Amino acid sequence: MQQWEMMPWYGMIFGPIMMIIWLVVVIVLAAAIIRWLQGGPVGRFPSFGTRKRALEILEERFARGEIDKNEFEEKKRLLSD
């Protein structure tokens, strides 16, 4: 005869929880690796530095003469808020 008592009762609770935790870890690691391979930021939010980059683009447009001084100042003021 086989014995069906292979693990204690709490194994029925912790087993599925551990499986879910491992699944989440594997998915997060896979997403981080894919993002790293694509050259994206890993371990930081992509919104960091966007305001600085927007100001650089605005300054470049002003230097090329695409926008005038009034428009540059207005947009710069909006970015600094």
C-alpha atoms as a PDB file:
ATOM      1  CA  MET A   1       0.000   0.000   0.000  1.00  0.00           C
ATOM      2  CA  GLN A   2       1.062   3.534  -0.691  1.00  0.00           C
ATOM      3  CA  GLN A   3       1.111   6.187   1.955  1.00  0.00           C
ATOM      4  CA  TRP A   4      -0.445   9.444   0.877  1.00  0.00           C
ATOM      5  CA  GLU A   5       1.050  11.481   3.703  1.00  0.00           C
ATOM      6  CA  MET A   6       4.081  12.778   1.830  1.00  0.00           C
ATOM      7  CA  MET A   7       4.121  16.268   3.298  1.00  0.00           C
ATOM      8  CA  PRO A   8       2.599  17.925   6.319  1.00  0.00           C
ATOM      9  CA  TRP A   9      -0.614  19.930   6.059  1.00  0.00           C
ATOM     10  CA  TYR A  10       1.135  23.298   5.842  1.00  0.00           C
ATOM     11  CA  GLY A  11       2.878  22.162   2.672  1.00  0.00           C
ATOM     12  CA  MET A  12      -0.445  22.525   0.915  1.00  0.00           C
ATOM     13  CA  ILE A  13      -0.431  26.242   1.788  1.00  0.00           C
ATOM     14  CA  PHE A  14       3.243  27.151   1.335  1.00  0.00           C
ATOM     15  CA  GLY A  15       3.766  25.090  -1.797  1.00  0.00           C
ATOM     16  CA  PRO A  16       1.459  27.118  -4.071  1.00  0.00           C
ATOM     17  CA  ILE A  17       2.645  30.398  -2.502  1.00  0.00           C
ATOM     18  CA  MET A  18       6.270  29.521  -3.274  1.00  0.00           C
ATOM     19  CA  MET A  19       5.327  28.537  -6.826  1.00  0.00           C
ATOM     20  CA  ILE A  20       3.671  31.930  -7.353  1.00  0.00           C
ATOM     21  CA  ILE A  21       6.687  33.756  -5.898  1.00  0.00           C
ATOM     22  CA  TRP A  22       9.074  31.861  -8.195  1.00  0.00           C
ATOM     23  CA  LEU A  23       6.848  32.567 -11.180  1.00  0.00           C
ATOM     24  CA  VAL A  24       6.871  36.298 -10.404  1.00  0.00           C
ATOM     25  CA  VAL A  25      10.668  36.257  -9.971  1.00  0.00           C
ATOM     26  CA  VAL A  26      11.147  34.500 -13.317  1.00  0.00           C
ATOM     27  CA  ILE A  27       8.823  36.947 -15.117  1.00  0.00           C
ATOM     28  CA  VAL A  28      10.548  39.998 -13.587  1.00  0.00           C
ATOM     29  CA  LEU A  29      13.988  38.661 -14.476  1.00  0.00           C
ATOM     30  CA  ALA A  30      12.893  37.874 -18.028  1.00  0.00           C
ATOM     31  CA  ALA A  31      11.457  41.378 -18.442  1.00  0.00           C
ATOM     32  CA  ALA A  32      14.654  42.951 -17.073  1.00  0.00           C
ATOM     33  CA  ILE A  33      16.830  40.887 -19.418  1.00  0.00           C
ATOM     34  CA  ILE A  34      14.673  41.750 -22.437  1.00  0.00           C
ATOM     35  CA  ARG A  35      14.749  45.428 -21.531  1.00  0.00           C
ATOM     36  CA  TRP A  36      18.520  45.297 -21.033  1.00  0.00           C
ATOM     37  CA  LEU A  37      19.010  43.628 -24.410  1.00  0.00           C
ATOM     38  CA  GLN A  38      16.935  46.345 -26.062  1.00  0.00           C
ATOM     39  CA  GLY A  39      19.111  49.009 -24.470  1.00  0.00           C
ATOM     40  CA  GLY A  40      16.449  50.380 -22.150  1.00  0.00           C
ATOM     41  CA  PRO A  41      16.908  51.469 -18.558  1.00  0.00           C
ATOM     42  CA  VAL A  42      16.975  48.682 -16.013  1.00  0.00           C
ATOM     43  CA  GLY A  43      16.470  49.363 -12.329  1.00  0.00           C
ATOM     44  CA  ARG A  44      15.270  52.932 -12.722  1.00  0.00           C
ATOM     45  CA  PHE A  45      12.178  54.654 -13.898  1.00  0.00           C
ATOM     46  CA  PRO A  46      12.258  55.812 -17.522  1.00  0.00           C
ATOM     47  CA  SER A  47      10.738  59.178 -16.585  1.00  0.00           C
ATOM     48  CA  PHE A  48      13.946  60.300 -14.811  1.00  0.00           C
ATOM     49  CA  GLY A  49      15.694  62.948 -16.848  1.00  0.00           C
ATOM     50  CA  THR A  50      12.868  63.592 -19.300  1.00  0.00           C
ATOM     51  CA  ARG A  51      12.483  67.203 -18.181  1.00  0.00           C
ATOM     52  CA  LYS A  52      16.201  67.795 -18.707  1.00  0.00           C
ATOM     53  CA  ARG A  53      16.023  66.182 -22.138  1.00  0.00           C
ATOM     54  CA  ALA A  54      12.996  68.295 -23.058  1.00  0.00           C
ATOM     55  CA  LEU A  55      14.897  71.439 -22.126  1.00  0.00           C
ATOM     56  CA  GLU A  56      17.854  70.322 -24.255  1.00  0.00           C
ATOM     57  CA  ILE A  57      15.554  69.778 -27.242  1.00  0.00           C
ATOM     58  CA  LEU A  58      13.998  73.198 -26.678  1.00  0.00           C
ATOM     59  CA  GLU A  59      17.433  74.826 -26.583  1.00  0.00           C
ATOM     60  CA  GLU A  60      18.429  73.001 -29.787  1.00  0.00           C
ATOM     61  CA  ARG A  61      15.281  74.216 -31.554  1.00  0.00           C
ATOM     62  CA  PHE A  62      15.983  77.765 -30.420  1.00  0.00           C
ATOM     63  CA  ALA A  63      19.601  77.527 -31.596  1.00  0.00           C
ATOM     64  CA  ARG A  64      18.478  76.288 -35.028  1.00  0.00           C
ATOM     65  CA  GLY A  65      16.036  79.176 -35.311  1.00  0.00           C
ATOM     66  CA  GLU A  66      12.898  77.017 -35.374  1.00  0.00           C
ATOM     67  CA  ILE A  67      11.331  79.027 -32.542  1.00  0.00           C
ATOM     68  CA  ASP A  68      11.711  82.667 -31.550  1.00  0.00           C
ATOM     69  CA  LYS A  69      12.811  84.060 -28.184  1.00  0.00           C
ATOM     70  CA  ASN A  70       9.277  84.634 -26.875  1.00  0.00           C
ATOM     71  CA  GLU A  71       8.195  81.075 -27.652  1.00  0.00           C
ATOM     72  CA  PHE A  72      11.436  79.727 -26.157  1.00  0.00           C
ATOM     73  CA  GLU A  73      10.941  81.647 -22.908  1.00  0.00           C
ATOM     74  CA  GLU A  74       7.283  80.596 -22.649  1.00  0.00           C
ATOM     75  CA  LYS A  75       8.048  76.913 -23.167  1.00  0.00           C
ATOM     76  CA  LYS A  76      11.026  77.057 -20.837  1.00  0.00           C
ATOM     77  CA  ARG A  77       8.794  78.549 -18.142  1.00  0.00           C
ATOM     78  CA  LEU A  78       6.235  75.770 -18.693  1.00  0.00           C
ATOM     79  CA  LEU A  79       8.941  73.107 -18.363  1.00  0.00           C
ATOM     80  CA  SER A  80      10.299  74.591 -15.145  1.00  0.00           C
ATOM     81  CA  ASP A  81       6.878  74.445 -13.398  1.00  0.00           C
END
